[in-house]
Amino acid sequence: MAQKSRQVEVRMVAEYLKETYPQYPFINKQPLGKVPEELMTALGYKRAVGMTRPFRPEVDAVVIMPGALILVEAKVWNIVNGLAKLPLYKSLVPFTPELKEYQKLPIVMELVVGWTNPNLEIMARDAGVTVRVFCPSWLGEVVESQHRYWTREYRVEREEKLRMRELFGVE
């Protein structure tokens, strides 16, 4: 049976925003960066923004606070990639037409994770990113299974499962 995709990070962002910033407006999956002026002139703002969306990086969420714009990137897998993206995303905010009215606000970067470690904290601090641990019970199970993935016991169990699939001709 094929494993179904679990939208873990999508749910994580939604619950994090609801719990942490319930009183503030936010934008999910905000594309960042320039939309060519000539395209906006030729096609109009709305159409140009829509047409360029697939080619612009996307931050998980933007929280609009009175004194700051918060870029939120949530990661369960590939956490360092999420950390690395945030400063690059921040650089695009001043060029993002959808966020034009908020350009004067300082930008805060938040990496939301189910767990952390000292190395992540060091890298985040040096990148100007705040690490927020958010781990409701359902996410704790996902994090635990991820940690188990790297153990010897899991590898042995996985090798046996693959051997049995091959033996029985199951994909």
Protein backbone atom coordinates (compact mmCIF):
# COMPACT_ATOMS: atom_id res chain seq x y z
CA MET A 1 0.00 0.00 0.00
CA ALA A 2 1.40 3.38 -0.98
CA GLN A 3 2.04 5.75 1.89
CA LYS A 4 -0.24 8.75 1.85
CA SER A 5 1.31 12.19 2.03
CA ARG A 6 0.91 13.80 5.41
CA GLN A 7 0.78 17.56 5.34
CA VAL A 8 2.67 17.77 8.62
CA GLU A 9 4.31 21.16 8.09
CA VAL A 10 1.11 22.72 6.76
CA ARG A 11 -0.78 21.63 9.87
CA MET A 12 2.13 22.70 12.07
CA VAL A 13 2.09 26.24 10.64
CA ALA A 14 -1.70 26.54 10.97
CA GLU A 15 -1.72 25.43 14.60
CA TYR A 16 1.35 27.51 15.46
CA LEU A 17 -0.22 30.68 14.05
CA LYS A 18 -3.52 30.01 15.81
CA GLU A 19 -1.82 29.44 19.15
CA THR A 20 0.93 32.06 18.95
CA TYR A 21 -0.56 34.95 16.96
CA PRO A 22 -4.36 34.61 17.19
CA GLN A 23 -4.93 38.37 17.32
CA TYR A 24 -2.83 39.29 14.27
CA PRO A 25 -3.52 38.95 10.55
CA PHE A 26 -1.32 36.57 8.63
CA ILE A 27 -0.74 35.37 5.09
CA ASN A 28 -0.04 31.69 4.39
CA LYS A 29 2.28 30.59 1.57
CA GLN A 30 3.34 34.12 0.65
CA PRO A 31 5.35 34.37 -2.58
CA LEU A 32 8.33 36.71 -2.26
CA GLY A 33 10.36 38.83 -4.62
CA LYS A 34 9.93 40.96 -7.69
CA VAL A 35 7.22 40.85 -10.27
CA PRO A 36 8.57 42.59 -13.38
CA GLU A 37 7.09 46.09 -13.77
CA GLU A 38 6.70 45.65 -17.51
CA LEU A 39 4.61 42.53 -16.89
CA MET A 40 2.39 44.42 -14.43
CA THR A 41 2.00 47.25 -16.91
CA ALA A 42 1.15 44.92 -19.79
CA LEU A 43 -1.09 42.46 -17.94
CA GLY A 44 -2.20 44.31 -14.83
CA TYR A 45 -1.15 43.75 -11.25
CA LYS A 46 -3.34 40.74 -10.42
CA ARG A 47 -2.57 38.77 -13.56
CA ALA A 48 1.17 39.49 -13.41
CA VAL A 49 1.35 38.41 -9.76
CA GLY A 50 -0.55 35.21 -10.57
CA MET A 51 1.56 34.43 -13.61
CA THR A 52 4.87 34.79 -11.74
CA ARG A 53 3.82 32.91 -8.59
CA PRO A 54 5.39 29.56 -9.60
CA PHE A 55 8.75 31.29 -10.10
CA ARG A 56 8.93 33.13 -6.78
CA PRO A 57 10.12 31.60 -3.51
CA GLU A 58 7.37 31.05 -0.92
CA VAL A 59 7.59 31.54 2.84
CA ASP A 60 5.22 29.43 4.96
CA ALA A 61 3.59 32.45 6.59
CA VAL A 62 3.89 36.17 7.20
CA VAL A 63 2.43 37.59 10.40
CA ILE A 64 1.54 41.27 10.27
CA MET A 65 2.04 42.90 13.64
CA PRO A 66 1.84 46.63 14.44
CA GLY A 67 5.61 46.83 14.99
CA ALA A 68 7.03 44.06 12.83
CA LEU A 69 6.55 41.68 9.95
CA ILE A 70 7.29 38.09 11.00
CA LEU A 71 8.46 35.57 8.43
CA VAL A 72 7.58 32.07 9.61
CA GLU A 73 9.17 28.95 8.17
CA ALA A 74 8.17 25.62 9.76
CA LYS A 75 10.26 22.50 9.35
CA VAL A 76 10.00 18.92 10.50
CA TRP A 77 12.41 17.52 7.89
CA ASN A 78 15.40 19.35 6.42
CA ILE A 79 15.46 21.85 9.28
CA VAL A 80 18.75 23.44 8.25
CA ASN A 81 17.31 24.16 4.80
CA GLY A 82 14.46 26.08 6.44
CA LEU A 83 16.96 28.03 8.53
CA ALA A 84 19.07 28.83 5.48
CA LYS A 85 16.07 30.08 3.49
CA LEU A 86 14.86 32.65 6.01
CA PRO A 87 17.61 35.31 5.51
CA LEU A 88 17.22 34.91 1.75
CA TYR A 89 13.44 35.33 2.06
CA LYS A 90 13.99 38.42 4.21
CA SER A 91 16.08 39.98 1.43
CA LEU A 92 13.11 39.64 -0.95
CA VAL A 93 10.47 41.29 1.26
CA PRO A 94 11.28 44.88 0.14
CA PHE A 95 10.70 43.80 -3.48
CA THR A 96 7.46 41.90 -2.86
CA PRO A 97 4.50 43.86 -4.28
CA GLU A 98 1.96 42.08 -2.04
CA LEU A 99 3.85 43.34 1.03
CA LYS A 100 4.51 46.87 -0.22
CA GLU A 101 2.43 48.56 2.49
CA TYR A 102 4.53 46.87 5.20
CA GLN A 103 7.99 47.76 3.86
CA LYS A 104 8.73 50.17 6.70
CA LEU A 105 8.26 47.47 9.35
CA PRO A 106 11.26 45.62 10.74
CA ILE A 107 11.41 41.98 9.69
CA VAL A 108 11.65 39.19 12.26
CA MET A 109 12.53 35.66 11.15
CA GLU A 110 11.14 32.63 12.98
CA LEU A 111 12.00 29.00 12.36
CA VAL A 112 9.32 26.78 13.89
CA VAL A 113 10.51 23.26 14.68
CA GLY A 114 9.31 20.25 16.64
CA TRP A 115 12.63 19.98 18.46
CA THR A 116 15.96 21.75 18.56
CA ASN A 117 19.58 21.16 19.43
CA PRO A 118 22.58 23.32 20.36
CA ASN A 119 24.00 23.43 16.82
CA LEU A 120 20.71 24.62 15.35
CA GLU A 121 20.52 27.30 18.05
CA ILE A 122 24.06 28.51 17.25
CA MET A 123 23.42 28.68 13.50
CA ALA A 124 20.08 30.43 14.01
CA ARG A 125 21.55 33.00 16.36
CA ASP A 126 24.30 33.85 13.86
CA ALA A 127 21.72 34.11 11.05
CA GLY A 128 19.45 36.41 13.09
CA VAL A 129 16.69 33.78 13.24
CA THR A 130 14.62 32.95 16.31
CA VAL A 131 13.98 29.24 16.84
CA ARG A 132 10.51 28.43 18.18
CA VAL A 133 9.85 24.90 19.39
CA PHE A 134 6.25 23.95 18.73
CA CYS A 135 5.43 20.31 19.34
CA PRO A 136 1.81 19.36 20.02
CA SER A 137 1.29 15.65 20.82
CA TRP A 138 0.50 14.61 17.23
CA LEU A 139 3.75 16.22 16.06
CA GLY A 140 5.73 14.59 18.86
CA GLU A 141 4.93 11.21 17.29
CA VAL A 142 6.27 12.41 13.93
CA VAL A 143 9.44 13.81 15.51
CA GLU A 144 9.99 10.59 17.47
CA SER A 145 9.60 8.47 14.33
CA GLN A 146 12.07 10.73 12.55
CA HIS A 147 14.62 10.30 15.33
CA ARG A 148 14.06 6.54 15.30
CA TYR A 149 14.76 6.47 11.53
CA TRP A 150 18.48 6.92 12.17
CA THR A 151 18.84 4.11 14.71
CA ARG A 152 20.46 0.71 14.06
CA GLU A 153 17.21 -1.05 15.02
CA TYR A 154 15.26 0.85 12.38
CA ARG A 155 17.83 0.07 9.67
CA VAL A 156 17.72 -3.64 10.51
CA GLU A 157 13.91 -3.61 10.52
CA ARG A 158 13.86 -1.75 7.20
CA GLU A 159 16.36 -4.15 5.58
CA GLU A 160 14.19 -7.10 6.67
CA LYS A 161 11.07 -5.44 5.25
CA LEU A 162 12.81 -4.82 1.91
CA ARG A 163 14.10 -8.40 1.84
CA MET A 164 10.56 -9.73 2.42
CA ARG A 165 9.15 -7.50 -0.33
CA GLU A 166 11.70 -8.83 -2.76
CA LEU A 167 11.09 -12.41 -1.66
CA PHE A 168 7.32 -12.08 -2.22
CA GLY A 169 7.60 -9.83 -5.29
CA VAL A 170 5.78 -6.94 -3.62
CA GLU A 171 6.51 -3.36 -4.59
